[in-house]
């Protein structure tokens, strides 16, 4: 009976692992960034745009435009011809703002898809965000740990 339960746990864990790996490694030919996080440094008046845009080739598939609005007025529009890495990267912009200003950023992929985030400026502003791939990795880690603990208990009972 323990062998059957153990086998089922192993199969379930492997299934979860495969799903997590496939979600994390899937390269879609046309898509918006999977994550866009904004951080505003009030003291240095700099907006950092953190992006997760996983691509196979950052020279042919990349974030082409980053547009920044402050209180509904366009204050910066930057176009790019590639992205710095194949997945996670950031751009920093000098944007003067006061407490209470609303900063909105729209990013566009050169092969289609956009993503928009906004923040309200405080003296230390960060948008909370967790990429889905990170959640999958955490779940895989928890299930693997549980599997090892169950396996260890079964071995102790058998021995």
N, C-alpha and C. Protein backbone atom coordinates (compact mmCIF):
# COMPACT_ATOMS: atom_id res chain seq x y z
N UNK A 1 0.82 -1.20 0.00
CA UNK A 1 0.00 0.00 0.00
C UNK A 1 0.87 1.26 0.00
N UNK A 2 1.94 1.26 0.81
CA UNK A 2 2.83 2.41 0.85
C UNK A 2 3.51 2.63 -0.49
N UNK A 3 3.83 1.54 -1.16
CA UNK A 3 4.50 1.63 -2.45
C UNK A 3 3.59 2.32 -3.46
N UNK A 4 2.30 1.98 -3.44
CA UNK A 4 1.34 2.59 -4.36
C UNK A 4 1.20 4.09 -4.08
N UNK A 5 1.11 4.48 -2.80
CA UNK A 5 1.02 5.90 -2.44
C UNK A 5 2.29 6.64 -2.83
N UNK A 6 3.41 6.00 -2.59
CA UNK A 6 4.70 6.61 -2.92
C UNK A 6 4.80 6.84 -4.43
N UNK A 7 4.39 5.84 -5.20
CA UNK A 7 4.43 5.94 -6.66
C UNK A 7 3.51 7.07 -7.13
N UNK A 8 2.32 7.18 -6.54
CA UNK A 8 1.39 8.24 -6.91
C UNK A 8 1.96 9.62 -6.58
N UNK A 9 2.61 9.75 -5.43
CA UNK A 9 3.22 11.03 -5.05
C UNK A 9 4.33 11.41 -6.02
N UNK A 10 5.13 10.44 -6.41
CA UNK A 10 6.20 10.70 -7.36
C UNK A 10 5.62 11.15 -8.70
N UNK A 11 4.59 10.46 -9.17
CA UNK A 11 3.97 10.83 -10.45
C UNK A 11 3.35 12.23 -10.39
N UNK A 12 2.69 12.56 -9.30
CA UNK A 12 2.09 13.89 -9.16
C UNK A 12 3.17 14.96 -9.13
N UNK A 13 4.24 14.70 -8.38
CA UNK A 13 5.34 15.67 -8.30
C UNK A 13 6.00 15.88 -9.65
N UNK A 14 6.21 14.80 -10.38
CA UNK A 14 6.80 14.92 -11.72
C UNK A 14 5.88 15.70 -12.66
N UNK A 15 4.59 15.46 -12.56
CA UNK A 15 3.62 16.19 -13.38
C UNK A 15 3.69 17.68 -13.08
N UNK A 16 3.71 18.04 -11.80
CA UNK A 16 3.79 19.45 -11.41
C UNK A 16 5.10 20.06 -11.89
N UNK A 17 6.19 19.32 -11.76
CA UNK A 17 7.48 19.80 -12.22
C UNK A 17 7.47 20.06 -13.72
N UNK A 18 6.92 19.14 -14.50
CA UNK A 18 6.86 19.32 -15.95
C UNK A 18 6.01 20.52 -16.34
N UNK A 19 4.90 20.70 -15.66
CA UNK A 19 4.05 21.87 -15.95
C UNK A 19 4.82 23.15 -15.64
N UNK A 20 5.47 23.19 -14.49
CA UNK A 20 6.24 24.38 -14.11
C UNK A 20 7.35 24.68 -15.09
N UNK A 21 8.08 23.68 -15.52
CA UNK A 21 9.16 23.89 -16.47
C UNK A 21 8.63 24.34 -17.82
N UNK A 22 7.52 23.78 -18.25
CA UNK A 22 6.98 24.18 -19.55
C UNK A 22 6.45 25.61 -19.51
N UNK A 23 5.86 26.01 -18.40
CA UNK A 23 5.38 27.40 -18.28
C UNK A 23 6.55 28.35 -18.28
N UNK A 24 7.61 28.00 -17.57
CA UNK A 24 8.76 28.89 -17.42
C UNK A 24 9.59 28.98 -18.69
N UNK A 25 9.59 27.95 -19.54
CA UNK A 25 10.46 27.96 -20.71
C UNK A 25 9.75 28.21 -22.02
N UNK A 26 8.44 28.39 -22.00
CA UNK A 26 7.69 28.60 -23.23
C UNK A 26 8.08 29.93 -23.87
N UNK A 27 8.39 29.88 -25.15
CA UNK A 27 8.72 31.09 -25.90
C UNK A 27 7.59 31.32 -26.90
N UNK A 28 6.83 32.34 -26.68
CA UNK A 28 5.72 32.66 -27.57
C UNK A 28 6.22 33.69 -28.57
N UNK A 29 5.86 33.56 -29.83
CA UNK A 29 6.43 34.43 -30.84
C UNK A 29 5.92 35.86 -30.74
N UNK A 30 4.75 36.10 -30.25
CA UNK A 30 4.23 37.44 -30.15
C UNK A 30 3.52 37.59 -28.81
N UNK A 31 4.08 38.42 -27.95
CA UNK A 31 3.47 38.58 -26.64
C UNK A 31 3.96 39.84 -25.95
N UNK A 32 3.14 40.33 -25.07
CA UNK A 32 3.54 41.47 -24.26
C UNK A 32 4.45 40.98 -23.15
N UNK A 33 5.14 41.90 -22.46
CA UNK A 33 5.98 41.46 -21.34
C UNK A 33 5.14 40.72 -20.32
N UNK A 34 5.71 39.66 -19.72
CA UNK A 34 4.96 38.91 -18.72
C UNK A 34 4.92 39.65 -17.39
N UNK A 35 5.84 40.58 -17.19
CA UNK A 35 5.84 41.35 -15.95
C UNK A 35 6.42 42.74 -16.21
N UNK A 36 5.81 43.73 -15.60
CA UNK A 36 6.25 45.11 -15.68
C UNK A 36 6.15 45.70 -14.29
N UNK A 37 7.28 46.07 -13.72
CA UNK A 37 7.30 46.64 -12.38
C UNK A 37 7.93 48.02 -12.44
N UNK A 38 7.32 48.97 -11.76
CA UNK A 38 7.82 50.34 -11.74
C UNK A 38 8.35 50.68 -10.36
N UNK A 39 9.51 51.32 -10.33
CA UNK A 39 10.09 51.82 -9.08
C UNK A 39 10.47 53.27 -9.31
N UNK A 40 10.05 54.15 -8.40
CA UNK A 40 10.40 55.55 -8.54
C UNK A 40 11.25 55.97 -7.35
N UNK A 41 12.45 56.45 -7.64
CA UNK A 41 13.34 56.96 -6.60
C UNK A 41 13.07 58.45 -6.43
N UNK A 42 12.36 58.78 -5.36
CA UNK A 42 11.95 60.18 -5.16
C UNK A 42 13.16 61.10 -4.98
N UNK A 43 14.16 60.63 -4.25
CA UNK A 43 15.33 61.48 -3.99
C UNK A 43 16.13 61.77 -5.25
N UNK A 44 16.32 60.77 -6.12
CA UNK A 44 17.10 60.98 -7.34
C UNK A 44 16.22 61.28 -8.56
N UNK A 45 14.89 61.26 -8.37
CA UNK A 45 13.93 61.58 -9.45
C UNK A 45 14.14 60.66 -10.66
N UNK A 46 14.30 59.36 -10.37
CA UNK A 46 14.48 58.40 -11.45
C UNK A 46 13.41 57.32 -11.40
N UNK A 47 12.88 57.00 -12.57
CA UNK A 47 11.90 55.94 -12.72
C UNK A 47 12.62 54.73 -13.32
N UNK A 48 12.55 53.60 -12.63
CA UNK A 48 13.12 52.36 -13.13
C UNK A 48 11.99 51.46 -13.60
N UNK A 49 12.08 51.02 -14.83
CA UNK A 49 11.09 50.13 -15.43
C UNK A 49 11.73 48.75 -15.53
N UNK A 50 11.23 47.82 -14.69
CA UNK A 50 11.75 46.45 -14.68
C UNK A 50 10.84 45.59 -15.53
N UNK A 51 11.42 44.86 -16.48
CA UNK A 51 10.63 44.08 -17.44
C UNK A 51 11.04 42.62 -17.45
N UNK A 52 10.04 41.75 -17.60
CA UNK A 52 10.27 40.34 -17.89
C UNK A 52 9.62 40.08 -19.24
N UNK A 53 10.46 39.86 -20.25
CA UNK A 53 9.99 39.61 -21.62
C UNK A 53 10.91 38.53 -22.19
N UNK A 54 10.51 37.27 -22.03
CA UNK A 54 11.33 36.13 -22.42
C UNK A 54 11.22 35.88 -23.92
N UNK A 55 12.37 35.91 -24.58
CA UNK A 55 12.44 35.72 -26.03
C UNK A 55 13.61 34.81 -26.38
N UNK A 56 13.57 34.23 -27.56
CA UNK A 56 14.68 33.38 -28.01
C UNK A 56 15.85 34.23 -28.53
N UNK A 57 15.54 35.34 -29.19
CA UNK A 57 16.58 36.20 -29.76
C UNK A 57 16.21 37.66 -29.49
N UNK A 58 16.96 38.31 -28.63
CA UNK A 58 16.63 39.69 -28.22
C UNK A 58 16.94 40.72 -29.30
N UNK A 59 17.53 40.30 -30.41
CA UNK A 59 17.77 41.23 -31.51
C UNK A 59 16.62 41.25 -32.52
N UNK A 60 15.80 40.20 -32.53
CA UNK A 60 14.69 40.14 -33.47
C UNK A 60 13.33 40.21 -32.78
N UNK A 61 13.27 39.96 -31.50
CA UNK A 61 12.03 40.00 -30.72
C UNK A 61 12.34 40.75 -29.44
N UNK A 62 11.76 41.94 -29.29
CA UNK A 62 12.18 42.82 -28.20
C UNK A 62 11.10 43.86 -27.88
N UNK A 63 11.30 44.56 -26.79
CA UNK A 63 10.44 45.68 -26.44
C UNK A 63 10.89 46.86 -27.29
N UNK A 64 9.98 47.31 -28.17
CA UNK A 64 10.35 48.35 -29.13
C UNK A 64 10.08 49.76 -28.58
N UNK A 65 8.99 49.92 -27.80
CA UNK A 65 8.63 51.26 -27.31
C UNK A 65 8.33 51.23 -25.82
N UNK A 66 8.79 52.26 -25.14
CA UNK A 66 8.43 52.51 -23.74
C UNK A 66 7.93 53.95 -23.68
N UNK A 67 6.66 54.11 -23.34
CA UNK A 67 6.05 55.44 -23.23
C UNK A 67 5.72 55.71 -21.77
N UNK A 68 6.05 56.92 -21.31
CA UNK A 68 5.84 57.31 -19.91
C UNK A 68 4.96 58.55 -19.87
N UNK A 69 3.88 58.45 -19.09
CA UNK A 69 2.98 59.57 -18.86
C UNK A 69 3.06 59.99 -17.41
N UNK A 70 2.96 61.30 -17.19
CA UNK A 70 2.84 61.84 -15.83
C UNK A 70 1.54 62.63 -15.79
N UNK A 71 0.61 62.17 -14.95
CA UNK A 71 -0.70 62.83 -14.84
C UNK A 71 -1.35 63.01 -16.20
N UNK A 72 -1.37 61.95 -17.02
CA UNK A 72 -2.01 61.90 -18.33
C UNK A 72 -1.30 62.70 -19.43
N UNK A 73 -0.12 63.25 -19.15
CA UNK A 73 0.65 63.93 -20.19
C UNK A 73 1.89 63.12 -20.53
N UNK A 74 2.14 62.87 -21.82
CA UNK A 74 3.31 62.11 -22.25
C UNK A 74 4.57 62.91 -21.93
N UNK A 75 5.48 62.31 -21.14
CA UNK A 75 6.72 63.00 -20.76
C UNK A 75 7.96 62.34 -21.35
N UNK A 76 7.84 61.09 -21.84
CA UNK A 76 8.98 60.42 -22.42
C UNK A 76 8.48 59.30 -23.32
N UNK A 77 9.07 59.20 -24.50
CA UNK A 77 8.79 58.10 -25.42
C UNK A 77 10.12 57.65 -26.00
N UNK A 78 10.49 56.41 -25.72
CA UNK A 78 11.77 55.89 -26.17
C UNK A 78 11.54 54.63 -27.00
N UNK A 79 12.22 54.58 -28.14
CA UNK A 79 12.16 53.41 -29.02
C UNK A 79 13.49 52.67 -28.97
N UNK A 80 13.42 51.34 -29.07
CA UNK A 80 14.60 50.49 -29.00
C UNK A 80 14.65 49.59 -30.22
N UNK A 81 15.86 49.09 -30.54
CA UNK A 81 16.05 48.19 -31.67
C UNK A 81 16.43 46.78 -31.22
N UNK A 82 16.52 46.56 -29.91
CA UNK A 82 16.78 45.25 -29.31
C UNK A 82 16.51 45.41 -27.82
N UNK A 83 16.62 44.31 -27.06
CA UNK A 83 16.53 44.42 -25.61
C UNK A 83 17.82 43.87 -25.02
N UNK A 84 18.22 44.36 -23.83
CA UNK A 84 19.54 44.02 -23.27
C UNK A 84 19.77 42.53 -23.00
N UNK A 85 18.72 41.79 -22.62
CA UNK A 85 18.86 40.36 -22.34
C UNK A 85 17.70 39.61 -22.97
N UNK A 86 17.73 38.28 -22.88
CA UNK A 86 16.64 37.48 -23.44
C UNK A 86 15.47 37.31 -22.49
N UNK A 87 15.54 37.88 -21.28
CA UNK A 87 14.40 37.71 -20.37
C UNK A 87 14.17 38.89 -19.43
N UNK A 88 15.03 39.10 -18.44
CA UNK A 88 14.79 40.11 -17.40
C UNK A 88 15.77 41.26 -17.58
N UNK A 89 15.23 42.49 -17.60
CA UNK A 89 16.09 43.66 -17.76
C UNK A 89 15.36 44.89 -17.26
N UNK A 90 16.06 46.02 -17.20
CA UNK A 90 15.43 47.26 -16.74
C UNK A 90 15.97 48.45 -17.52
N UNK A 91 15.15 49.50 -17.55
CA UNK A 91 15.54 50.78 -18.12
C UNK A 91 15.31 51.83 -17.05
N UNK A 92 16.16 52.86 -17.02
CA UNK A 92 16.01 53.94 -16.04
C UNK A 92 15.86 55.26 -16.78
N UNK A 93 14.91 56.07 -16.29
CA UNK A 93 14.60 57.35 -16.92
C UNK A 93 14.61 58.45 -15.87
N UNK A 94 15.12 59.62 -16.24
CA UNK A 94 15.05 60.79 -15.36
C UNK A 94 13.69 61.45 -15.57
N UNK A 95 12.82 61.33 -14.57
CA UNK A 95 11.47 61.88 -14.64
C UNK A 95 11.24 62.68 -13.36
N UNK A 96 11.06 63.98 -13.48
CA UNK A 96 10.80 64.77 -12.28
C UNK A 96 9.32 64.64 -11.90
N UNK A 97 9.08 64.36 -10.63
CA UNK A 97 7.71 64.18 -10.15
C UNK A 97 7.64 64.61 -8.69
N UNK A 98 6.43 64.94 -8.28
CA UNK A 98 6.19 65.29 -6.88
C UNK A 98 5.25 64.25 -6.27
N UNK A 99 5.20 64.24 -4.96
CA UNK A 99 4.33 63.29 -4.27
C UNK A 99 2.90 63.49 -4.74
N UNK A 100 2.26 62.39 -5.11
CA UNK A 100 0.88 62.43 -5.60
C UNK A 100 0.77 62.34 -7.11
N UNK A 101 1.86 62.59 -7.84
CA UNK A 101 1.82 62.45 -9.30
C UNK A 101 1.58 60.98 -9.66
N UNK A 102 0.86 60.77 -10.77
CA UNK A 102 0.62 59.42 -11.27
C UNK A 102 1.51 59.21 -12.48
N UNK A 103 2.38 58.19 -12.39
CA UNK A 103 3.24 57.82 -13.51
C UNK A 103 2.69 56.55 -14.13
N UNK A 104 2.49 56.58 -15.45
CA UNK A 104 1.98 55.42 -16.17
C UNK A 104 2.97 55.06 -17.27
N UNK A 105 3.28 53.77 -17.38
CA UNK A 105 4.23 53.30 -18.38
C UNK A 105 3.55 52.24 -19.24
N UNK A 106 3.69 52.41 -20.56
CA UNK A 106 3.20 51.41 -21.51
C UNK A 106 4.39 50.91 -22.31
N UNK A 107 4.52 49.57 -22.37
CA UNK A 107 5.59 48.96 -23.16
C UNK A 107 4.95 48.19 -24.30
N UNK A 108 5.65 48.15 -25.43
CA UNK A 108 5.13 47.46 -26.61
C UNK A 108 6.20 46.55 -27.20
N UNK A 109 5.80 45.31 -27.50
CA UNK A 109 6.68 44.33 -28.16
C UNK A 109 6.69 44.61 -29.66
N UNK A 110 7.84 44.46 -30.29
CA UNK A 110 7.92 44.72 -31.73
C UNK A 110 7.12 43.71 -32.56
N UNK A 111 6.74 42.56 -31.94
CA UNK A 111 5.94 41.58 -32.67
C UNK A 111 4.49 41.56 -32.20
N UNK A 112 4.10 42.56 -31.44
CA UNK A 112 2.71 42.67 -30.98
C UNK A 112 2.58 42.47 -29.48
N UNK A 113 1.64 43.13 -28.88
CA UNK A 113 1.38 43.00 -27.46
C UNK A 113 1.91 44.20 -26.68
N UNK A 114 1.09 44.68 -25.74
CA UNK A 114 1.49 45.79 -24.88
C UNK A 114 1.19 45.45 -23.43
N UNK A 115 1.84 46.16 -22.54
CA UNK A 115 1.59 46.02 -21.11
C UNK A 115 1.71 47.40 -20.50
N UNK A 116 0.77 47.72 -19.57
CA UNK A 116 0.75 49.03 -18.93
C UNK A 116 0.67 48.87 -17.42
N UNK A 117 1.42 49.67 -16.71
CA UNK A 117 1.37 49.75 -15.25
C UNK A 117 1.41 51.22 -14.86
N UNK A 118 0.89 51.52 -13.68
CA UNK A 118 0.99 52.89 -13.18
C UNK A 118 1.24 52.88 -11.68
N UNK A 119 1.85 53.95 -11.21
CA UNK A 119 2.09 54.12 -9.78
C UNK A 119 1.79 55.55 -9.39
N UNK A 120 1.49 55.74 -8.14
CA UNK A 120 1.34 57.07 -7.57
C UNK A 120 2.61 57.36 -6.78
N UNK A 121 3.24 58.48 -7.07
CA UNK A 121 4.53 58.80 -6.47
C UNK A 121 4.37 59.09 -4.98
N UNK A 122 5.21 58.42 -4.19
CA UNK A 122 5.37 58.72 -2.77
C UNK A 122 6.87 58.98 -2.56
N UNK A 123 7.31 59.07 -1.34
CA UNK A 123 8.74 59.29 -1.13
C UNK A 123 9.55 58.01 -1.34
N UNK A 124 8.89 56.86 -1.54
CA UNK A 124 9.57 55.61 -1.89
C UNK A 124 8.55 54.71 -2.57
N UNK A 125 8.47 54.77 -3.89
CA UNK A 125 7.39 54.13 -4.63
C UNK A 125 7.85 52.89 -5.38
N UNK A 126 7.15 51.76 -5.16
CA UNK A 126 7.40 50.52 -5.89
C UNK A 126 6.06 49.85 -6.15
N UNK A 127 5.84 49.34 -7.37
CA UNK A 127 4.62 48.59 -7.64
C UNK A 127 4.83 47.14 -7.23
N UNK A 128 3.89 46.57 -6.45
CA UNK A 128 4.04 45.16 -6.08
C UNK A 128 3.66 44.26 -7.25
N UNK A 129 4.51 43.26 -7.53
CA UNK A 129 4.22 42.36 -8.63
C UNK A 129 5.05 41.10 -8.49
N UNK A 130 4.46 39.94 -8.81
CA UNK A 130 5.16 38.67 -8.78
C UNK A 130 4.89 37.94 -10.09
N UNK A 131 5.94 37.65 -10.87
CA UNK A 131 5.73 36.93 -12.13
C UNK A 131 5.18 35.52 -11.88
N UNK A 132 4.34 35.05 -12.78
CA UNK A 132 3.73 33.72 -12.65
C UNK A 132 4.79 32.62 -12.61
N UNK A 133 5.87 32.79 -13.34
CA UNK A 133 6.93 31.76 -13.34
C UNK A 133 7.53 31.60 -11.96
N UNK A 134 7.67 32.70 -11.21
CA UNK A 134 8.22 32.61 -9.86
C UNK A 134 7.27 31.84 -8.95
N UNK A 135 5.98 32.04 -9.11
CA UNK A 135 5.01 31.30 -8.31
C UNK A 135 5.11 29.81 -8.60
N UNK A 136 5.25 29.45 -9.88
CA UNK A 136 5.39 28.03 -10.25
C UNK A 136 6.64 27.43 -9.65
N UNK A 137 7.73 28.15 -9.68
CA UNK A 137 8.98 27.64 -9.11
C UNK A 137 8.84 27.42 -7.61
N UNK A 138 8.17 28.34 -6.92
CA UNK A 138 7.95 28.19 -5.48
C UNK A 138 7.09 26.96 -5.21
N UNK A 139 6.02 26.77 -5.99
CA UNK A 139 5.16 25.60 -5.80
C UNK A 139 5.92 24.30 -6.06
N UNK A 140 6.77 24.30 -7.05
CA UNK A 140 7.58 23.11 -7.34
C UNK A 140 8.51 22.82 -6.17
N UNK A 141 9.12 23.86 -5.62
CA UNK A 141 10.01 23.67 -4.47
C UNK A 141 9.27 23.11 -3.27
N UNK A 142 8.09 23.63 -3.00
CA UNK A 142 7.29 23.15 -1.86
C UNK A 142 6.89 21.70 -2.07
N UNK A 143 6.43 21.36 -3.28
CA UNK A 143 5.99 19.98 -3.52
C UNK A 143 7.17 19.01 -3.47
N UNK A 144 8.33 19.44 -3.96
CA UNK A 144 9.52 18.57 -3.89
C UNK A 144 9.95 18.34 -2.46
N UNK A 145 9.93 19.38 -1.65
CA UNK A 145 10.28 19.25 -0.24
C UNK A 145 9.31 18.30 0.47
N UNK A 146 8.02 18.45 0.19
CA UNK A 146 7.02 17.56 0.80
C UNK A 146 7.26 16.12 0.36
N UNK A 147 7.58 15.91 -0.90
CA UNK A 147 7.84 14.56 -1.40
C UNK A 147 9.03 13.93 -0.69
N UNK A 148 10.10 14.68 -0.51
CA UNK A 148 11.28 14.13 0.17
C UNK A 148 10.98 13.80 1.63
N UNK A 149 10.20 14.65 2.29
CA UNK A 149 9.86 14.38 3.68
C UNK A 149 8.98 13.13 3.80
N UNK A 150 8.03 12.98 2.91
CA UNK A 150 7.17 11.78 2.92
C UNK A 150 8.00 10.55 2.63
N UNK A 151 8.90 10.66 1.67
CA UNK A 151 9.76 9.52 1.33
C UNK A 151 10.63 9.11 2.52
N UNK A 152 11.16 10.08 3.22
CA UNK A 152 11.99 9.80 4.39
C UNK A 152 11.19 9.10 5.48
N UNK A 153 9.95 9.54 5.70
CA UNK A 153 9.08 8.90 6.71
C UNK A 153 8.77 7.46 6.34
N UNK A 154 8.50 7.22 5.05
CA UNK A 154 8.19 5.87 4.58
C UNK A 154 9.39 4.96 4.79
N UNK A 155 10.59 5.45 4.49
CA UNK A 155 11.80 4.65 4.67
C UNK A 155 12.02 4.32 6.14
N UNK A 156 11.74 5.28 7.02
CA UNK A 156 11.90 5.02 8.47
C UNK A 156 10.94 3.95 8.95
N UNK A 157 9.71 3.99 8.44
CA UNK A 157 8.69 3.01 8.85
C UNK A 157 9.03 1.63 8.30
N UNK A 158 9.59 1.58 7.08
CA UNK A 158 9.94 0.31 6.47
C UNK A 158 11.15 -0.32 7.16
N UNK A 159 12.08 0.53 7.61
CA UNK A 159 13.35 0.05 8.17
C UNK A 159 13.28 -0.32 9.60
